[in-house]
Amino acid sequence: MNINRYCDNPIITPGTVLASRKDFQVIGAFNAGVTVFNGETILILRVAERPINSDDKSIKVPFLDDNLNLKVKTFNKNDENYDFGDSRAIHKKGNVAAFEYLTSISHFRLARSTDGEHFKVDEKPFIFPANKYESFGIEDPRVTKIDDSYYITYSAVSKFGIVVMLSSTDDFKTFNNLGAIFATENKDVALFPEKINENYYALNRPISPSIGNAVIWISESTNLLHWGNHKVLIETRDGKWDCKKIGAGSPPLKTDLGWLEFYHGVDDNDRYCMGALLLDINDPSKILARSSEPILEPIMEYETKGFFGNVVFSCGTIVNHGVIHMYYGVSDDSMAYAQFKLKDVLDSMEYLKPKK
């Protein structure tokens, strides 16, 4: 399949984003939700920051305290009670499955473009961690326009685990926090852009700490706030590019053949790729087709090297005149952009039944 990566990728890097405070540095601007508003392409960037630290024998970690004030805690790297092997988190010694703190804290920043290629990043945060469920940061937003409002789902991280929050905006100036809609441990929530048979639908990815792989579920709601009728939608596949875990990427796109969902898959080497699902237009719990091979995989240097390399991770796409515009995070630090034809995606998929 022909993938047209933008010639000046990456389109946004940490060096092009101002830190939210003078004693912090931006280490990532990635995994953005995408929409169109007032003729502009809007990226809701995940901006990861950490305290500036010139002491290579220590690590400083940011978090919100119980009073929701931003604080910094310093760890000595020689402290035998902790494992500092993961650049993203600090673990208790002997317990690498769970972390004590993240080494950075993320918020959301808006980037705007009139041509979809050149973006200007706002100087100030759009959404900043503000409650006890967000004390370690907010991550990986997806934005879906439903009627006249834009709904933003995102992962909130704290000592209580990872929950999914929902906010809404009508103007991308202010927002309403609507609370947690999926409890721990869940993430990768993507809302469908309209009701289907009187219900809203959401893709999500709950994780059991005791058994099973991370797979995509589908849930229903009458009001976007209370969700039920949870079902496993699709599982990982042994020996494939999506054998270890999978999760929803962009909010589903409505096509003549069904709902098109771009999702990420992870293999045994922790390599993140993007593929697609096609779901029934009237019953999105039914799978019509799936990518047998990745649509987008990390091959360029900016996709293979970085804070966490070999990652392409999209939280948002736009379709315009039969062309998919995919905005995607690379290596957990920057944003890139690619185009490909909607028809090529649909033709590349493995159908459970022949196309009509």
Protein backbone atom coordinates (compact mmCIF):
# COMPACT_ATOMS: atom_id res chain seq x y z
CA MET A 1 0.00 0.00 0.00
CA ASN A 2 1.32 3.44 -0.90
CA ILE A 3 2.03 5.56 2.19
CA ASN A 4 2.96 9.19 1.58
CA ARG A 5 4.87 10.42 4.61
CA TYR A 6 5.18 14.19 4.82
CA CYS A 7 8.59 15.25 3.53
CA ASP A 8 9.34 17.48 6.54
CA ASN A 9 8.45 14.96 9.24
CA PRO A 10 8.39 15.21 12.16
CA ILE A 11 5.96 18.13 12.08
CA ILE A 12 6.21 18.91 15.82
CA THR A 13 9.13 18.12 18.13
CA PRO A 14 9.79 18.85 21.82
CA GLY A 15 12.12 21.68 20.83
CA THR A 16 9.26 23.59 19.18
CA VAL A 17 7.08 23.61 22.34
CA LEU A 18 7.55 25.99 25.26
CA ALA A 19 7.60 24.47 28.73
CA SER A 20 4.71 25.39 31.01
CA ARG A 21 7.16 26.74 33.64
CA LYS A 22 10.76 27.94 33.60
CA ASP A 23 12.19 25.12 35.72
CA PHE A 24 10.72 22.41 33.45
CA GLN A 25 11.75 21.08 30.04
CA VAL A 26 9.58 19.54 27.34
CA ILE A 27 10.67 16.00 26.47
CA GLY A 28 7.72 14.98 24.34
CA ALA A 29 4.98 16.44 22.10
CA PHE A 30 3.15 13.45 20.69
CA ASN A 31 0.06 11.18 20.48
CA ALA A 32 -2.31 14.01 19.54
CA GLY A 33 -6.05 13.86 19.07
CA VAL A 34 -7.11 15.46 15.78
CA THR A 35 -10.15 17.35 14.50
CA VAL A 36 -11.18 20.22 12.25
CA PHE A 37 -12.62 23.41 13.76
CA ASN A 38 -13.43 26.71 12.02
CA GLY A 39 -11.42 25.70 8.97
CA GLU A 40 -8.31 24.78 10.94
CA THR A 41 -6.77 21.41 11.71
CA ILE A 42 -6.50 21.14 15.49
CA LEU A 43 -4.08 18.84 17.26
CA ILE A 44 -4.59 18.20 20.97
CA LEU A 45 -0.98 17.39 21.82
CA ARG A 46 0.18 15.34 24.73
CA VAL A 47 3.06 17.43 26.09
CA ALA A 48 5.37 15.60 28.51
CA GLU A 49 7.55 17.68 30.81
CA ARG A 50 10.07 17.00 33.56
CA PRO A 51 12.06 19.19 35.96
CA ILE A 52 15.38 20.47 34.68
CA ASN A 53 18.11 18.51 36.46
CA SER A 54 21.86 18.93 36.08
CA ASP A 55 22.73 16.26 38.65
CA ASP A 56 23.28 12.92 36.92
CA LYS A 57 23.19 11.10 40.27
CA SER A 58 19.57 11.95 40.95
CA ILE A 59 16.14 11.90 39.29
CA LYS A 60 13.46 14.53 39.85
CA VAL A 61 9.85 13.50 39.37
CA PRO A 62 6.82 15.84 39.11
CA PHE A 63 3.36 15.10 40.52
CA LEU A 64 0.32 16.75 42.08
CA ASP A 65 0.22 16.45 45.87
CA ASP A 66 -2.95 15.83 47.91
CA ASN A 67 -3.76 19.55 47.69
CA LEU A 68 -3.39 19.39 43.88
CA ASN A 69 -0.24 21.51 43.92
CA LEU A 70 2.53 20.60 41.47
CA LYS A 71 5.50 19.26 43.44
CA VAL A 72 8.90 17.75 42.61
CA LYS A 73 10.40 14.78 44.45
CA THR A 74 14.11 13.91 44.16
CA PHE A 75 15.41 10.33 44.15
CA ASN A 76 19.05 9.30 44.55
CA LYS A 77 19.92 6.83 41.82
CA ASN A 78 21.89 4.79 44.38
CA ASP A 79 18.79 4.20 46.48
CA GLU A 80 18.56 0.39 46.58
CA ASN A 81 14.83 0.49 47.32
CA TYR A 82 14.03 1.55 43.77
CA ASP A 83 14.62 0.39 40.21
CA PHE A 84 15.57 3.21 37.82
CA GLY A 85 16.00 1.05 34.71
CA ASP A 86 12.84 2.34 33.00
CA SER A 87 13.30 5.85 31.62
CA ARG A 88 9.55 6.44 31.86
CA ALA A 89 8.88 5.42 35.47
CA ILE A 90 10.37 4.62 38.88
CA HIS A 91 9.60 1.19 40.30
CA LYS A 92 9.98 -0.35 43.71
CA LYS A 93 12.82 -2.89 43.69
CA GLY A 94 11.51 -6.29 42.64
CA ASN A 95 8.18 -4.94 41.37
CA VAL A 96 8.63 -3.85 37.77
CA ALA A 97 4.97 -4.55 37.00
CA ALA A 98 3.84 -1.46 38.92
CA PHE A 99 5.42 1.98 39.18
CA GLU A 100 5.68 4.40 42.08
CA TYR A 101 6.09 7.60 40.03
CA LEU A 102 6.37 8.68 36.41
CA THR A 103 9.53 10.56 35.44
CA SER A 104 7.48 13.20 33.60
CA ILE A 105 4.02 14.73 33.79
CA SER A 106 1.86 15.29 30.71
CA HIS A 107 -0.76 17.89 29.88
CA PHE A 108 -2.60 18.87 26.68
CA ARG A 109 -1.60 21.73 24.39
CA LEU A 110 -3.36 22.87 21.21
CA ALA A 111 -1.60 23.16 17.86
CA ARG A 112 -3.37 24.81 14.91
CA SER A 113 -2.85 24.73 11.15
CA THR A 114 -4.59 26.16 8.09
CA ASP A 115 -2.92 23.73 5.68
CA GLY A 116 -2.67 20.58 7.82
CA GLU A 117 1.12 20.58 7.56
CA HIS A 118 2.52 23.63 9.37
CA PHE A 119 1.35 23.97 12.97
CA LYS A 120 1.60 26.72 15.56
CA VAL A 121 1.60 25.40 19.12
CA ASP A 122 -0.15 27.42 21.83
CA GLU A 123 2.17 28.71 24.54
CA LYS A 124 -0.12 27.72 27.40
CA PRO A 125 -1.75 24.38 28.30
CA PHE A 126 -5.31 23.71 27.19
CA ILE A 127 -5.98 21.01 29.81
CA PHE A 128 -3.66 20.53 32.77
CA PRO A 129 -3.92 17.80 35.45
CA ALA A 130 -6.38 19.10 38.04
CA ASN A 131 -7.73 16.29 40.24
CA LYS A 132 -6.53 13.31 42.25
CA TYR A 133 -7.04 10.90 39.35
CA GLU A 134 -4.70 13.04 37.21
CA SER A 135 -1.91 13.56 39.75
CA PHE A 136 0.72 11.82 37.57
CA GLY A 137 -0.53 13.37 34.34
CA ILE A 138 -3.01 13.06 31.48
CA GLU A 139 -2.21 11.18 28.30
CA ASP A 140 -3.18 10.23 24.74
CA PRO A 141 -6.32 12.27 23.95
CA ARG A 142 -8.86 11.32 21.30
CA VAL A 143 -11.39 13.90 20.14
CA THR A 144 -14.76 13.14 18.55
CA LYS A 145 -17.27 15.66 17.24
CA ILE A 146 -20.82 14.68 18.22
CA ASP A 147 -23.50 17.12 17.11
CA ASP A 148 -22.05 20.57 17.89
CA SER A 149 -19.67 19.57 20.68
CA TYR A 150 -16.21 18.02 20.73
CA TYR A 151 -15.68 15.24 23.25
CA ILE A 152 -12.16 14.43 24.45
CA THR A 153 -11.35 11.08 26.03
CA TYR A 154 -7.99 10.57 27.70
CA SER A 155 -6.05 8.48 30.19
CA ALA A 156 -5.61 9.93 33.68
CA VAL A 157 -2.74 8.50 35.74
CA SER A 158 -2.37 8.51 39.51
CA LYS A 159 -1.60 6.26 42.48
CA PHE A 160 -5.10 4.86 41.92
CA GLY A 161 -4.14 3.52 38.49
CA ILE A 162 -5.20 4.59 35.01
CA VAL A 163 -8.80 5.73 34.46
CA VAL A 164 -10.48 7.27 31.42
CA MET A 165 -11.70 10.85 31.72
CA LEU A 166 -14.12 12.71 29.45
CA SER A 167 -14.10 16.44 28.73
CA SER A 168 -15.98 18.52 26.18
CA THR A 169 -15.49 21.82 24.43
CA ASP A 170 -17.46 23.92 21.96
CA ASP A 171 -14.78 26.50 21.19
CA PHE A 172 -11.31 25.07 22.03
CA LYS A 173 -10.88 27.91 24.49
CA THR A 174 -12.63 26.46 27.52
CA PHE A 175 -13.62 22.92 28.43
CA ASN A 176 -15.91 21.01 30.79
CA ASN A 177 -14.55 18.07 32.75
CA LEU A 178 -17.31 15.44 32.76
CA GLY A 179 -15.51 13.00 35.04
CA ALA A 180 -14.24 9.43 34.85
CA ILE A 181 -16.20 7.23 32.44
CA PHE A 182 -14.12 4.02 32.69
CA ALA A 183 -12.49 2.92 35.93
CA THR A 184 -9.02 1.48 36.36
CA GLU A 185 -7.39 -0.21 34.56
CA ASN A 186 -8.58 1.07 31.16
CA LYS A 187 -7.35 3.29 28.33
CA ASP A 188 -7.40 3.85 24.55
CA VAL A 189 -11.03 4.99 24.52
CA ALA A 190 -12.40 6.19 21.16
CA LEU A 191 -15.98 7.40 20.77
CA PHE A 192 -18.07 6.83 17.65
CA PRO A 193 -19.23 10.17 16.17
CA GLU A 194 -22.97 9.46 16.25
CA LYS A 195 -25.59 7.30 17.91
CA ILE A 196 -26.21 3.88 16.42
CA ASN A 197 -29.68 2.43 17.12
CA GLU A 198 -30.23 5.00 19.89
CA ASN A 199 -26.96 4.27 21.69
CA TYR A 200 -23.50 5.77 21.79
CA TYR A 201 -20.58 3.37 21.33
CA ALA A 202 -17.00 3.46 22.60
CA LEU A 203 -13.95 1.32 21.97
CA ASN A 204 -11.81 0.76 25.06
CA ARG A 205 -9.02 -1.42 26.41
CA PRO A 206 -9.40 -2.76 29.97
CA ILE A 207 -6.44 -4.73 31.33
CA SER A 208 -6.57 -7.60 33.79
CA PRO A 209 -3.48 -7.72 36.04
CA SER A 210 -3.89 -11.47 36.55
CA ILE A 211 -4.61 -13.07 33.17
CA GLY A 212 -5.00 -12.40 29.46
CA ASN A 213 -3.67 -9.97 26.86
CA ALA A 214 -4.73 -6.36 26.37
CA VAL A 215 -7.48 -6.43 23.74
CA ILE A 216 -10.15 -4.08 22.36
CA TRP A 217 -13.62 -4.05 23.90
CA ILE A 218 -16.76 -2.22 22.78
CA SER A 219 -19.28 -0.62 25.16
CA GLU A 220 -22.63 1.19 24.92
CA SER A 221 -24.17 4.25 26.57
CA THR A 222 -27.30 6.35 26.35
CA ASN A 223 -25.63 9.55 27.62
CA LEU A 224 -21.82 9.25 27.11
CA LEU A 225 -21.31 9.13 30.90
CA HIS A 226 -22.55 5.70 31.99
CA TRP A 227 -21.34 2.70 30.01
CA GLY A 228 -22.45 -0.91 29.88
CA ASN A 229 -23.05 -3.99 27.72
CA HIS A 230 -19.27 -4.43 27.56
CA LYS A 231 -18.07 -6.96 24.98
CA VAL A 232 -14.72 -8.13 23.68
CA LEU A 233 -14.52 -6.84 20.12
CA ILE A 234 -11.24 -8.26 18.85
CA GLU A 235 -8.24 -10.13 20.22
CA THR A 236 -4.50 -10.32 19.64
CA ARG A 237 -3.13 -12.78 17.07
CA ASP A 238 -0.24 -15.16 17.76
CA GLY A 239 2.76 -14.68 15.50
CA LYS A 240 1.41 -11.45 13.99
CA TRP A 241 2.35 -7.78 14.24
CA ASP A 242 -0.41 -7.40 16.86
CA CYS A 243 0.36 -10.49 18.98
CA LYS A 244 1.17 -8.86 22.34
CA LYS A 245 -1.47 -6.17 22.77
CA ILE A 246 -3.84 -4.00 20.77
CA GLY A 247 -5.73 -0.76 21.40
CA ALA A 248 -8.01 1.67 19.61
CA GLY A 249 -6.32 4.54 17.78
CA SER A 250 -8.44 7.19 16.12
CA PRO A 251 -12.19 7.58 16.58
CA PRO A 252 -13.97 5.43 13.97
CA LEU A 253 -14.59 6.91 10.52
CA LYS A 254 -17.91 6.32 8.74
CA THR A 255 -17.49 4.87 5.23
CA ASP A 256 -19.83 3.30 2.66
CA LEU A 257 -18.61 -0.15 3.71
CA GLY A 258 -18.76 0.32 7.47
CA TRP A 259 -16.97 1.94 10.40
CA LEU A 260 -13.24 2.15 9.75
CA GLU A 261 -11.10 2.01 12.89
CA PHE A 262 -7.34 2.46 12.89
CA TYR A 263 -5.80 0.62 15.82
CA HIS A 264 -2.31 0.01 17.16
CA GLY A 265 -0.76 -3.40 17.62
CA VAL A 266 2.35 -4.39 19.56
CA ASP A 267 4.53 -7.40 18.83
CA ASP A 268 6.84 -9.41 21.10
CA ASN A 269 9.65 -6.90 20.46
CA ASP A 270 7.48 -3.99 21.72
CA ARG A 271 7.24 -2.62 18.19
CA TYR A 272 4.12 -0.47 17.68
CA CYS A 273 2.38 -0.48 14.27
CA MET A 274 -0.96 0.77 12.94
CA GLY A 275 -3.56 -1.40 11.25
CA ALA A 276 -7.31 -1.20 10.63
CA LEU A 277 -10.65 -2.82 11.43
CA LEU A 278 -13.89 -2.52 9.49
CA LEU A 279 -17.04 -2.76 11.61
CA ASP A 280 -20.67 -3.19 10.63
CA ILE A 281 -22.38 0.17 10.12
CA ASN A 282 -25.51 -0.84 12.09
CA ASP A 283 -23.86 -3.12 14.65
CA PRO A 284 -20.23 -2.09 15.32
CA SER A 285 -19.71 -5.14 17.54
CA LYS A 286 -19.54 -7.17 14.29
CA ILE A 287 -16.18 -7.29 12.51
CA LEU A 288 -16.22 -7.26 8.72
CA ALA A 289 -12.50 -7.03 7.95
CA ARG A 290 -9.06 -6.63 9.54
CA SER A 291 -5.55 -5.76 8.40
CA SER A 292 -3.43 -8.88 8.01
CA GLU A 293 -0.30 -6.71 7.78
CA PRO A 294 0.44 -3.25 9.23
CA ILE A 295 -0.70 -0.20 7.31
CA LEU A 296 1.91 2.01 8.95
CA GLU A 297 5.01 0.66 10.67
CA PRO A 298 8.14 2.30 12.11
CA ILE A 299 10.82 2.37 9.42
CA MET A 300 12.01 5.99 9.30
CA GLU A 301 14.71 7.11 11.72
CA TYR A 302 12.32 9.48 13.52
CA GLU A 303 10.01 6.46 14.03
CA THR A 304 12.67 4.01 15.18
CA LYS A 305 14.82 6.19 17.42
CA GLY A 306 13.72 8.49 20.25
CA PHE A 307 12.55 8.45 23.85
CA PHE A 308 10.92 5.03 23.23
CA GLY A 309 11.80 3.86 19.74
CA ASN A 310 10.05 1.70 17.14
CA VAL A 311 6.69 3.35 17.76
CA VAL A 312 4.03 4.78 15.46
CA PHE A 313 0.89 5.60 17.46
CA SER A 314 -2.08 7.48 16.06
CA CYS A 315 -4.87 8.98 18.15
CA GLY A 316 -6.54 10.78 15.26
CA THR A 317 -7.20 10.81 11.53
CA ILE A 318 -9.14 12.98 9.10
CA VAL A 319 -10.67 11.79 5.83
CA ASN A 320 -11.08 14.31 3.02
CA HIS A 321 -12.08 13.51 -0.58
CA GLY A 322 -11.09 9.88 -0.22
CA VAL A 323 -7.71 10.60 1.37
CA ILE A 324 -6.81 9.60 4.94
CA HIS A 325 -4.72 12.17 6.79
CA MET A 326 -3.10 10.35 9.70
CA TYR A 327 -1.36 12.29 12.45
CA TYR A 328 0.71 10.03 14.63
CA GLY A 329 3.15 10.04 17.51
CA VAL A 330 6.64 8.71 16.83
CA SER A 331 9.02 7.20 19.39
CA ASP A 332 7.06 8.76 22.27
CA ASP A 333 8.49 12.22 21.60
CA SER A 334 7.29 13.88 18.37
CA MET A 335 4.43 14.13 15.85
CA ALA A 336 4.47 13.01 12.23
CA TYR A 337 1.99 13.08 9.36
CA ALA A 338 1.16 10.72 6.49
CA GLN A 339 -1.44 10.41 3.75
CA PHE A 340 -2.89 7.39 2.00
CA LYS A 341 -6.03 6.57 0.04
CA LEU A 342 -9.13 5.33 1.80
CA LYS A 343 -9.75 2.88 -1.07
CA ASP A 344 -6.26 1.41 -0.65
CA VAL A 345 -6.94 0.73 3.03
CA LEU A 346 -10.27 -0.94 2.33
CA ASP A 347 -8.76 -3.01 -0.51
CA SER A 348 -5.80 -4.11 1.63
CA MET A 349 -7.89 -5.63 4.42
CA GLU A 350 -8.74 -9.29 4.89
CA TYR A 351 -12.52 -9.63 4.71
CA LEU A 352 -14.42 -12.26 6.66
CA LYS A 353 -16.87 -12.40 3.77
CA PRO A 354 -16.34 -11.19 0.17
CA LYS A 355 -17.03 -7.49 -0.41
CA LYS A 356 -20.30 -6.78 -2.21
